[in-house]
Amino acid sequence: MTIARIYRPVRSAHSSGHRRAKAWLLEYERTEPVEIEPMMGWTGSSETEMQVKLTFETREEAIAFAEKRGIAYEVEDHPPEQVRRGLSYSDNFKSSRVGQWTH
């Protein structure tokens, strides 16, 4: 029996974009070991489910999809992303600045 994993992918440290940061993914877990082809040395498997990645807008949509089709699933929740406050260089010289300017 195949098990699906429902999760929200974490943004890469090298990326500052937010394009797919809020989407939820449904991926199938591997059930068979990877085989090494003796002549060429390539790795492969007869599983085609590993190639399927389904994207959903919300967690509930992904769970409803899995339950409707009778797919066993595990949900991975990640902590919410921290909201960064944007600062500009000119904020260092504001007259309403709380702390002293120490350069």
PDB file of N, CA and C in Angstrom:
ATOM      1  N   MET A   1       0.841  -1.173   0.000  1.00  0.00           N
ATOM      2  CA  MET A   1       0.000   0.000   0.000  1.00  0.00           C
ATOM      3  C   MET A   1       0.891   1.243   0.000  1.00  0.00           C
ATOM      4  N   THR A   2       0.588   2.145  -0.872  1.00  0.00           N
ATOM      5  CA  THR A   2       1.403   3.355  -0.972  1.00  0.00           C
ATOM      6  C   THR A   2       0.939   4.397   0.042  1.00  0.00           C
ATOM      7  N   ILE A   3       1.883   5.114   0.551  1.00  0.00           N
ATOM      8  CA  ILE A   3       1.597   6.180   1.516  1.00  0.00           C
ATOM      9  C   ILE A   3       1.996   7.498   0.873  1.00  0.00           C
ATOM     10  N   ALA A   4       1.132   8.480   0.998  1.00  0.00           N
ATOM     11  CA  ALA A   4       1.417   9.805   0.465  1.00  0.00           C
ATOM     12  C   ALA A   4       1.854  10.723   1.591  1.00  0.00           C
ATOM     13  N   ARG A   5       2.672  11.687   1.244  1.00  0.00           N
ATOM     14  CA  ARG A   5       3.144  12.672   2.205  1.00  0.00           C
ATOM     15  C   ARG A   5       2.586  14.020   1.777  1.00  0.00           C
ATOM     16  N   ILE A   6       1.889  14.699   2.684  1.00  0.00           N
ATOM     17  CA  ILE A   6       1.324  16.017   2.416  1.00  0.00           C
ATOM     18  C   ILE A   6       2.126  17.017   3.234  1.00  0.00           C
ATOM     19  N   TYR A   7       2.698  18.001   2.549  1.00  0.00           N
ATOM     20  CA  TYR A   7       3.534  18.971   3.247  1.00  0.00           C
ATOM     21  C   TYR A   7       3.602  20.278   2.462  1.00  0.00           C
ATOM     22  N   ARG A   8       4.084  21.289   3.128  1.00  0.00           N
ATOM     23  CA  ARG A   8       4.330  22.575   2.475  1.00  0.00           C
ATOM     24  C   ARG A   8       5.839  22.723   2.360  1.00  0.00           C
ATOM     25  N   PRO A   9       6.379  22.791   1.140  1.00  0.00           N
ATOM     26  CA  PRO A   9       7.831  22.811   0.988  1.00  0.00           C
ATOM     27  C   PRO A   9       8.444  24.065   1.601  1.00  0.00           C
ATOM     28  N   VAL A  10       9.625  23.880   2.168  1.00  0.00           N
ATOM     29  CA  VAL A  10      10.342  24.987   2.781  1.00  0.00           C
ATOM     30  C   VAL A  10      11.128  25.700   1.692  1.00  0.00           C
ATOM     31  N   ARG A  11      11.147  26.999   1.765  1.00  0.00           N
ATOM     32  CA  ARG A  11      11.864  27.808   0.787  1.00  0.00           C
ATOM     33  C   ARG A  11      13.366  27.595   0.950  1.00  0.00           C
ATOM     34  N   SER A  12      14.072  27.544  -0.141  1.00  0.00           N
ATOM     35  CA  SER A  12      15.518  27.357  -0.127  1.00  0.00           C
ATOM     36  C   SER A  12      16.206  28.579   0.485  1.00  0.00           C
ATOM     37  N   ALA A  13      17.353  28.372   1.091  1.00  0.00           N
ATOM     38  CA  ALA A  13      18.108  29.483   1.663  1.00  0.00           C
ATOM     39  C   ALA A  13      18.650  30.407   0.581  1.00  0.00           C
ATOM     40  N   HIS A  14      18.766  29.915  -0.633  1.00  0.00           N
ATOM     41  CA  HIS A  14      19.285  30.712  -1.737  1.00  0.00           C
ATOM     42  C   HIS A  14      18.195  31.466  -2.467  1.00  0.00           C
ATOM     43  N   SER A  15      16.966  31.326  -2.031  1.00  0.00           N
ATOM     44  CA  SER A  15      15.838  31.937  -2.723  1.00  0.00           C
ATOM     45  C   SER A  15      15.176  32.986  -1.851  1.00  0.00           C
ATOM     46  N   SER A  16      14.831  34.100  -2.460  1.00  0.00           N
ATOM     47  CA  SER A  16      14.106  35.129  -1.719  1.00  0.00           C
ATOM     48  C   SER A  16      12.675  35.266  -2.225  1.00  0.00           C
ATOM     49  N   GLY A  17      12.316  34.489  -3.229  1.00  0.00           N
ATOM     50  CA  GLY A  17      10.983  34.568  -3.808  1.00  0.00           C
ATOM     51  C   GLY A  17       9.940  33.837  -2.984  1.00  0.00           C
ATOM     52  N   HIS A  18       8.687  34.176  -3.227  1.00  0.00           N
ATOM     53  CA  HIS A  18       7.574  33.577  -2.481  1.00  0.00           C
ATOM     54  C   HIS A  18       6.597  32.869  -3.410  1.00  0.00           C
ATOM     55  N   ARG A  19       7.034  32.466  -4.601  1.00  0.00           N
ATOM     56  CA  ARG A  19       6.112  31.951  -5.602  1.00  0.00           C
ATOM     57  C   ARG A  19       5.345  30.723  -5.136  1.00  0.00           C
ATOM     58  N   ARG A  20       6.015  29.688  -4.744  1.00  0.00           N
ATOM     59  CA  ARG A  20       5.335  28.452  -4.357  1.00  0.00           C
ATOM     60  C   ARG A  20       5.432  28.197  -2.862  1.00  0.00           C
ATOM     61  N   ALA A  21       5.623  29.230  -2.083  1.00  0.00           N
ATOM     62  CA  ALA A  21       5.837  29.069  -0.645  1.00  0.00           C
ATOM     63  C   ALA A  21       4.551  28.691   0.085  1.00  0.00           C
ATOM     64  N   LYS A  22       3.401  29.002  -0.468  1.00  0.00           N
ATOM     65  CA  LYS A  22       2.150  28.736   0.237  1.00  0.00           C
ATOM     66  C   LYS A  22       1.410  27.516  -0.283  1.00  0.00           C
ATOM     67  N   ALA A  23       1.938  26.863  -1.314  1.00  0.00           N
ATOM     68  CA  ALA A  23       1.274  25.693  -1.886  1.00  0.00           C
ATOM     69  C   ALA A  23       1.574  24.451  -1.053  1.00  0.00           C
ATOM     70  N   TRP A  24       0.644  23.521  -1.033  1.00  0.00           N
ATOM     71  CA  TRP A  24       0.810  22.231  -0.347  1.00  0.00           C
ATOM     72  C   TRP A  24       1.040  21.166  -1.407  1.00  0.00           C
ATOM     73  N   LEU A  25       1.949  20.253  -1.141  1.00  0.00           N
ATOM     74  CA  LEU A  25       2.274  19.179  -2.080  1.00  0.00           C
ATOM     75  C   LEU A  25       1.838  17.828  -1.536  1.00  0.00           C
ATOM     76  N   LEU A  26       1.427  16.961  -2.443  1.00  0.00           N
ATOM     77  CA  LEU A  26       1.143  15.568  -2.121  1.00  0.00           C
ATOM     78  C   LEU A  26       2.106  14.740  -2.947  1.00  0.00           C
ATOM     79  N   GLU A  27       2.997  14.007  -2.265  1.00  0.00           N
ATOM     80  CA  GLU A  27       3.977  13.137  -2.918  1.00  0.00           C
ATOM     81  C   GLU A  27       3.838  11.730  -2.362  1.00  0.00           C
ATOM     82  N   TYR A  28       4.113  10.758  -3.205  1.00  0.00           N
ATOM     83  CA  TYR A  28       4.074   9.364  -2.769  1.00  0.00           C
ATOM     84  C   TYR A  28       5.439   8.958  -2.218  1.00  0.00           C
ATOM     85  N   GLU A  29       5.422   8.170  -1.166  1.00  0.00           N
ATOM     86  CA  GLU A  29       6.658   7.641  -0.591  1.00  0.00           C
ATOM     87  C   GLU A  29       7.134   6.443  -1.418  1.00  0.00           C
ATOM     88  N   ARG A  30       8.421   6.177  -1.401  1.00  0.00           N
ATOM     89  CA  ARG A  30       8.991   5.052  -2.130  1.00  0.00           C
ATOM     90  C   ARG A  30       8.671   3.754  -1.375  1.00  0.00           C
ATOM     91  N   THR A  31       8.208   2.737  -2.111  1.00  0.00           N
ATOM     92  CA  THR A  31       7.886   1.452  -1.486  1.00  0.00           C
ATOM     93  C   THR A  31       8.856   0.350  -1.906  1.00  0.00           C
ATOM     94  N   GLU A  32       9.552   0.534  -3.031  1.00  0.00           N
ATOM     95  CA  GLU A  32      10.513  -0.460  -3.515  1.00  0.00           C
ATOM     96  C   GLU A  32      11.912   0.146  -3.485  1.00  0.00           C
ATOM     97  N   PRO A  33      12.919  -0.672  -3.259  1.00  0.00           N
ATOM     98  CA  PRO A  33      14.284  -0.134  -3.304  1.00  0.00           C
ATOM     99  C   PRO A  33      14.697   0.201  -4.741  1.00  0.00           C
ATOM    100  N   VAL A  34      15.628   1.102  -4.852  1.00  0.00           N
ATOM    101  CA  VAL A  34      16.144   1.493  -6.165  1.00  0.00           C
ATOM    102  C   VAL A  34      17.074   0.396  -6.674  1.00  0.00           C
ATOM    103  N   GLU A  35      16.927   0.045  -7.940  1.00  0.00           N
ATOM    104  CA  GLU A  35      17.758  -0.984  -8.554  1.00  0.00           C
ATOM    105  C   GLU A  35      18.843  -0.323  -9.400  1.00  0.00           C
ATOM    106  N   ILE A  36      20.027  -0.900  -9.399  1.00  0.00           N
ATOM    107  CA  ILE A  36      21.107  -0.395 -10.231  1.00  0.00           C
ATOM    108  C   ILE A  36      21.203  -1.258 -11.476  1.00  0.00           C
ATOM    109  N   GLU A  37      21.101  -0.622 -12.623  1.00  0.00           N
ATOM    110  CA  GLU A  37      21.173  -1.331 -13.887  1.00  0.00           C
ATOM    111  C   GLU A  37      22.628  -1.733 -14.112  1.00  0.00           C
ATOM    112  N   PRO A  38      22.932  -3.037 -14.334  1.00  0.00           N
ATOM    113  CA  PRO A  38      24.310  -3.504 -14.335  1.00  0.00           C
ATOM    114  C   PRO A  38      25.172  -2.982 -15.484  1.00  0.00           C
ATOM    115  N   MET A  39      24.616  -2.785 -16.648  1.00  0.00           N
ATOM    116  CA  MET A  39      25.445  -2.404 -17.783  1.00  0.00           C
ATOM    117  C   MET A  39      25.845  -0.921 -17.753  1.00  0.00           C
ATOM    118  N   MET A  40      24.880  -0.056 -17.524  1.00  0.00           N
ATOM    119  CA  MET A  40      25.159   1.376 -17.568  1.00  0.00           C
ATOM    120  C   MET A  40      25.368   1.989 -16.182  1.00  0.00           C
ATOM    121  N   GLY A  41      24.902   1.306 -15.147  1.00  0.00           N
ATOM    122  CA  GLY A  41      25.053   1.826 -13.796  1.00  0.00           C
ATOM    123  C   GLY A  41      23.990   2.828 -13.401  1.00  0.00           C
ATOM    124  N   TRP A  42      22.940   2.963 -14.203  1.00  0.00           N
ATOM    125  CA  TRP A  42      21.869   3.882 -13.887  1.00  0.00           C
ATOM    126  C   TRP A  42      21.025   3.313 -12.756  1.00  0.00           C
ATOM    127  N   THR A  43      20.424   4.184 -11.988  1.00  0.00           N
ATOM    128  CA  THR A  43      19.504   3.733 -10.949  1.00  0.00           C
ATOM    129  C   THR A  43      18.085   3.923 -11.453  1.00  0.00           C
ATOM    130  N   GLY A  44      17.223   3.031 -11.054  1.00  0.00           N
ATOM    131  CA  GLY A  44      15.846   3.123 -11.506  1.00  0.00           C
ATOM    132  C   GLY A  44      14.935   2.257 -10.674  1.00  0.00           C
ATOM    133  N   SER A  45      13.668   2.415 -10.931  1.00  0.00           N
ATOM    134  CA  SER A  45      12.661   1.653 -10.223  1.00  0.00           C
ATOM    135  C   SER A  45      11.461   1.501 -11.131  1.00  0.00           C
ATOM    136  N   SER A  46      10.646   0.508 -10.871  1.00  0.00           N
ATOM    137  CA  SER A  46       9.448   0.316 -11.674  1.00  0.00           C
ATOM    138  C   SER A  46       8.281   1.147 -11.144  1.00  0.00           C
ATOM    139  N   GLU A  47       8.516   1.866 -10.059  1.00  0.00           N
ATOM    140  CA  GLU A  47       7.453   2.707  -9.506  1.00  0.00           C
ATOM    141  C   GLU A  47       7.289   3.975 -10.337  1.00  0.00           C
ATOM    142  N   THR A  48       6.093   4.239 -10.757  1.00  0.00           N
ATOM    143  CA  THR A  48       5.837   5.480 -11.480  1.00  0.00           C
ATOM    144  C   THR A  48       5.176   6.518 -10.573  1.00  0.00           C
ATOM    145  N   GLU A  49       4.699   6.084  -9.421  1.00  0.00           N
ATOM    146  CA  GLU A  49       4.047   7.023  -8.501  1.00  0.00           C
ATOM    147  C   GLU A  49       5.026   8.050  -7.943  1.00  0.00           C
ATOM    148  N   MET A  50       6.318   7.700  -7.906  1.00  0.00           N
ATOM    149  CA  MET A  50       7.319   8.627  -7.378  1.00  0.00           C
ATOM    150  C   MET A  50       7.440   9.874  -8.243  1.00  0.00           C
ATOM    151  N   GLN A  51       7.000   9.804  -9.487  1.00  0.00           N
ATOM    152  CA  GLN A  51       7.104  10.936 -10.394  1.00  0.00           C
ATOM    153  C   GLN A  51       5.951  11.910 -10.235  1.00  0.00           C
ATOM    154  N   VAL A  52       4.935  11.544  -9.459  1.00  0.00           N
ATOM    155  CA  VAL A  52       3.747  12.362  -9.322  1.00  0.00           C
ATOM    156  C   VAL A  52       3.879  13.306  -8.124  1.00  0.00           C
ATOM    157  N   LYS A  53       3.711  14.600  -8.383  1.00  0.00           N
ATOM    158  CA  LYS A  53       3.654  15.614  -7.330  1.00  0.00           C
ATOM    159  C   LYS A  53       2.423  16.471  -7.607  1.00  0.00           C
ATOM    160  N   LEU A  54       1.474  16.420  -6.705  1.00  0.00           N
ATOM    161  CA  LEU A  54       0.256  17.186  -6.879  1.00  0.00           C
ATOM    162  C   LEU A  54       0.300  18.423  -5.986  1.00  0.00           C
ATOM    163  N   THR A  55      -0.122  19.554  -6.518  1.00  0.00           N
ATOM    164  CA  THR A  55      -0.094  20.822  -5.799  1.00  0.00           C
ATOM    165  C   THR A  55      -1.519  21.231  -5.430  1.00  0.00           C
ATOM    166  N   PHE A  56      -1.687  21.685  -4.198  1.00  0.00           N
ATOM    167  CA  PHE A  56      -2.981  22.142  -3.705  1.00  0.00           C
ATOM    168  C   PHE A  56      -2.819  23.495  -3.031  1.00  0.00           C
ATOM    169  N   GLU A  57      -3.883  24.280  -3.039  1.00  0.00           N
ATOM    170  CA  GLU A  57      -3.821  25.610  -2.419  1.00  0.00           C
ATOM    171  C   GLU A  57      -3.858  25.529  -0.898  1.00  0.00           C
ATOM    172  N   THR A  58      -4.622  24.580  -0.360  1.00  0.00           N
ATOM    173  CA  THR A  58      -4.737  24.469   1.091  1.00  0.00           C
ATOM    174  C   THR A  58      -4.464  23.038   1.534  1.00  0.00           C
ATOM    175  N   ARG A  59      -4.209  22.916   2.807  1.00  0.00           N
ATOM    176  CA  ARG A  59      -3.956  21.602   3.415  1.00  0.00           C
ATOM    177  C   ARG A  59      -5.212  20.734   3.355  1.00  0.00           C
ATOM    178  N   GLU A  60      -6.362  21.361   3.584  1.00  0.00           N
ATOM    179  CA  GLU A  60      -7.626  20.624   3.592  1.00  0.00           C
ATOM    180  C   GLU A  60      -7.956  20.041   2.228  1.00  0.00           C
ATOM    181  N   GLU A  61      -7.614  20.757   1.151  1.00  0.00           N
ATOM    182  CA  GLU A  61      -7.855  20.235  -0.194  1.00  0.00           C
ATOM    183  C   GLU A  61      -7.017  18.981  -0.452  1.00  0.00           C
ATOM    184  N   ALA A  62      -5.781  19.003  -0.001  1.00  0.00           N
ATOM    185  CA  ALA A  62      -4.901  17.844  -0.194  1.00  0.00           C
ATOM    186  C   ALA A  62      -5.404  16.648   0.597  1.00  0.00           C
ATOM    187  N   ILE A  63      -5.848  16.871   1.826  1.00  0.00           N
ATOM    188  CA  ILE A  63      -6.373  15.781   2.656  1.00  0.00           C
ATOM    189  C   ILE A  63      -7.656  15.228   2.058  1.00  0.00           C
ATOM    190  N   ALA A  64      -8.539  16.110   1.574  1.00  0.00           N
ATOM    191  CA  ALA A  64      -9.789  15.662   0.961  1.00  0.00           C
ATOM    192  C   ALA A  64      -9.512  14.822  -0.293  1.00  0.00           C
ATOM    193  N   PHE A  65      -8.518  15.216  -1.085  1.00  0.00           N
ATOM    194  CA  PHE A  65      -8.147  14.454  -2.277  1.00  0.00           C
ATOM    195  C   PHE A  65      -7.685  13.051  -1.900  1.00  0.00           C
ATOM    196  N   ALA A  66      -6.826  12.963  -0.883  1.00  0.00           N
ATOM    197  CA  ALA A  66      -6.296  11.661  -0.462  1.00  0.00           C
ATOM    198  C   ALA A  66      -7.399  10.769   0.107  1.00  0.00           C
ATOM    199  N   GLU A  67      -8.280  11.344   0.907  1.00  0.00           N
ATOM    200  CA  GLU A  67      -9.360  10.547   1.502  1.00  0.00           C
ATOM    201  C   GLU A  67     -10.367  10.091   0.456  1.00  0.00           C
ATOM    202  N   LYS A  68     -10.650  10.931  -0.523  1.00  0.00           N
ATOM    203  CA  LYS A  68     -11.614  10.579  -1.566  1.00  0.00           C
ATOM    204  C   LYS A  68     -11.122   9.385  -2.389  1.00  0.00           C
ATOM    205  N   ARG A  69      -9.816   9.293  -2.598  1.00  0.00           N
ATOM    206  CA  ARG A  69      -9.249   8.221  -3.395  1.00  0.00           C
ATOM    207  C   ARG A  69      -8.709   7.067  -2.565  1.00  0.00           C
ATOM    208  N   GLY A  70      -8.892   7.110  -1.255  1.00  0.00           N
ATOM    209  CA  GLY A  70      -8.471   6.020  -0.387  1.00  0.00           C
ATOM    210  C   GLY A  70      -6.962   5.895  -0.249  1.00  0.00           C
ATOM    211  N   ILE A  71      -6.255   7.002  -0.304  1.00  0.00           N
ATOM    212  CA  ILE A  71      -4.796   7.004  -0.197  1.00  0.00           C
ATOM    213  C   ILE A  71      -4.417   7.248   1.259  1.00  0.00           C
ATOM    214  N   ALA A  72      -3.572   6.380   1.804  1.00  0.00           N
ATOM    215  CA  ALA A  72      -3.061   6.612   3.159  1.00  0.00           C
ATOM    216  C   ALA A  72      -2.099   7.791   3.095  1.00  0.00           C
ATOM    217  N   TYR A  73      -2.162   8.686   4.082  1.00  0.00           N
ATOM    218  CA  TYR A  73      -1.344   9.886   4.016  1.00  0.00           C
ATOM    219  C   TYR A  73      -0.805  10.266   5.386  1.00  0.00           C
ATOM    220  N   GLU A  74       0.271  11.046   5.364  1.00  0.00           N
ATOM    221  CA  GLU A  74       0.847  11.639   6.561  1.00  0.00           C
ATOM    222  C   GLU A  74       0.991  13.127   6.294  1.00  0.00           C
ATOM    223  N   VAL A  75       0.587  13.942   7.245  1.00  0.00           N
ATOM    224  CA  VAL A  75       0.683  15.393   7.087  1.00  0.00           C
ATOM    225  C   VAL A  75       1.860  15.897   7.909  1.00  0.00           C
ATOM    226  N   GLU A  76       2.728  16.669   7.277  1.00  0.00           N
ATOM    227  CA  GLU A  76       3.863  17.272   7.961  1.00  0.00           C
ATOM    228  C   GLU A  76       3.608  18.770   8.086  1.00  0.00           C
ATOM    229  N   ASP A  77       3.514  19.231   9.316  1.00  0.00           N
ATOM    230  CA  ASP A  77       3.326  20.659   9.561  1.00  0.00           C
ATOM    231  C   ASP A  77       4.654  21.280   9.928  1.00  0.00           C
ATOM    232  N   HIS A  78       4.947  22.396   9.302  1.00  0.00           N
ATOM    233  CA  HIS A  78       6.160  23.141   9.604  1.00  0.00           C
ATOM    234  C   HIS A  78       5.782  24.386  10.395  1.00  0.00           C
ATOM    235  N   PRO A  79       6.681  24.906  11.193  1.00  0.00           N
ATOM    236  CA  PRO A  79       6.364  26.140  11.910  1.00  0.00           C
ATOM    237  C   PRO A  79       6.123  27.273  10.918  1.00  0.00           C
ATOM    238  N   PRO A  80       5.289  28.227  11.286  1.00  0.00           N
ATOM    239  CA  PRO A  80       5.011  29.335  10.353  1.00  0.00           C
ATOM    240  C   PRO A  80       6.276  30.147  10.082  1.00  0.00           C
ATOM    241  N   GLU A  81       6.338  30.687   8.873  1.00  0.00           N
ATOM    242  CA  GLU A  81       7.503  31.468   8.491  1.00  0.00           C
ATOM    243  C   GLU A  81       7.510  32.793   9.232  1.00  0.00           C
ATOM    244  N   GLN A  82       8.680  33.236   9.618  1.00  0.00           N
ATOM    245  CA  GLN A  82       8.795  34.511  10.305  1.00  0.00           C
ATOM    246  C   GLN A  82       8.630  35.641   9.301  1.00  0.00           C
ATOM    247  N   VAL A  83       7.909  36.668   9.730  1.00  0.00           N
ATOM    248  CA  VAL A  83       7.702  37.821   8.878  1.00  0.00           C
ATOM    249  C   VAL A  83       8.847  38.795   9.118  1.00  0.00           C
ATOM    250  N   ARG A  84       9.543  39.141   8.054  1.00  0.00           N
ATOM    251  CA  ARG A  84      10.668  40.053   8.179  1.00  0.00           C
ATOM    252  C   ARG A  84      10.202  41.466   7.896  1.00  0.00           C
ATOM    253  N   ARG A  85      10.662  42.366   8.705  1.00  0.00           N
ATOM    254  CA  ARG A  85      10.310  43.765   8.544  1.00  0.00           C
ATOM    255  C   ARG A  85      11.355  44.400   7.633  1.00  0.00           C
ATOM    256  N   GLY A  86      10.895  45.007   6.565  1.00  0.00           N
ATOM    257  CA  GLY A  86      11.812  45.629   5.626  1.00  0.00           C
ATOM    258  C   GLY A  86      12.326  46.957   6.152  1.00  0.00           C
ATOM    259  N   LEU A  87      13.623  47.135   6.112  1.00  0.00           N
ATOM    260  CA  LEU A  87      14.243  48.382   6.525  1.00  0.00           C
ATOM    261  C   LEU A  87      15.031  48.955   5.359  1.00  0.00           C
ATOM    262  N   SER A  88      15.113  50.245   5.347  1.00  0.00           N
ATOM    263  CA  SER A  88      15.931  50.886   4.327  1.00  0.00           C
ATOM    264  C   SER A  88      17.092  51.610   5.010  1.00  0.00           C
ATOM    265  N   TYR A  89      18.065  51.966   4.227  1.00  0.00           N
ATOM    266  CA  TYR A  89      19.255  52.637   4.759  1.00  0.00           C
ATOM    267  C   TYR A  89      18.894  53.991   5.363  1.00  0.00           C
ATOM    268  N   SER A  90      17.904  54.661   4.786  1.00  0.00           N
ATOM    269  CA  SER A  90      17.524  55.986   5.282  1.00  0.00           C
ATOM    270  C   SER A  90      16.884  55.923   6.672  1.00  0.00           C
ATOM    271  N   ASP A  91      16.427  54.747   7.103  1.00  0.00           N
ATOM    272  CA  ASP A  91      15.860  54.615   8.450  1.00  0.00           C
ATOM    273  C   ASP A  91      16.913  54.879   9.528  1.00  0.00           C
ATOM    274  N   ASN A  92      18.188  54.728   9.208  1.00  0.00           N
ATOM    275  CA  ASN A  92      19.243  55.013  10.179  1.00  0.00           C
ATOM    276  C   ASN A  92      19.304  56.486  10.558  1.00  0.00           C
ATOM    277  N   PHE A  93      18.803  57.369   9.709  1.00  0.00           N
ATOM    278  CA  PHE A  93      18.940  58.807   9.914  1.00  0.00           C
ATOM    279  C   PHE A  93      17.624  59.492  10.241  1.00  0.00           C
ATOM    280  N   LYS A  94      16.578  58.753  10.557  1.00  0.00           N
ATOM    281  CA  LYS A  94      15.289  59.349  10.901  1.00  0.00           C
ATOM    282  C   LYS A  94      15.384  60.132  12.199  1.00  0.00           C
ATOM    283  N   SER A  95      14.635  61.217  12.262  1.00  0.00           N
ATOM    284  CA  SER A  95      14.624  61.980  13.499  1.00  0.00           C
ATOM    285  C   SER A  95      13.780  61.291  14.578  1.00  0.00           C
ATOM    286  N   SER A  96      12.922  60.382  14.160  1.00  0.00           N
ATOM    287  CA  SER A  96      12.067  59.660  15.113  1.00  0.00           C
ATOM    288  C   SER A  96      12.711  58.347  15.577  1.00  0.00           C
ATOM    289  N   ARG A  97      13.984  58.169  15.294  1.00  0.00           N
ATOM    290  CA  ARG A  97      14.699  56.953  15.668  1.00  0.00           C
ATOM    291  C   ARG A  97      14.773  56.830  17.183  1.00  0.00           C
ATOM    292  N   VAL A  98      14.500  55.644  17.723  1.00  0.00           N
ATOM    293  CA  VAL A  98      14.434  55.429  19.167  1.00  0.00           C
ATOM    294  C   VAL A  98      15.837  55.379  19.772  1.00  0.00           C
ATOM    295  N   GLY A  99      16.707  54.572  19.215  1.00  0.00           N
ATOM    296  CA  GLY A  99      18.066  54.428  19.773  1.00  0.00           C
ATOM    297  C   GLY A  99      19.031  55.432  19.180  1.00  0.00           C
ATOM    298  N   GLN A 100      20.178  55.564  19.803  1.00  0.00           N
ATOM    299  CA  GLN A 100      21.190  56.483  19.295  1.00  0.00           C
ATOM    300  C   GLN A 100      21.875  55.863  18.085  1.00  0.00           C
ATOM    301  N   TRP A 101      22.346  56.736  17.229  1.00  0.00           N
ATOM    302  CA  TRP A 101      23.083  56.283  16.065  1.00  0.00           C
ATOM    303  C   TRP A 101      24.523  56.091  16.468  1.00  0.00           C
ATOM    304  N   THR A 102      25.035  54.883  16.377  1.00  0.00           N
ATOM    305  CA  THR A 102      26.357  54.568  16.939  1.00  0.00           C
ATOM    306  C   THR A 102      27.326  54.111  15.876  1.00  0.00           C
ATOM    307  N   HIS A 103      27.748  54.986  15.040  1.00  0.00           N
ATOM    308  CA  HIS A 103      28.805  54.639  14.088  1.00  0.00           C
ATOM    309  C   HIS A 103      29.953  55.576  14.360  1.00  0.00           C
TER     310      HIS A 103
END
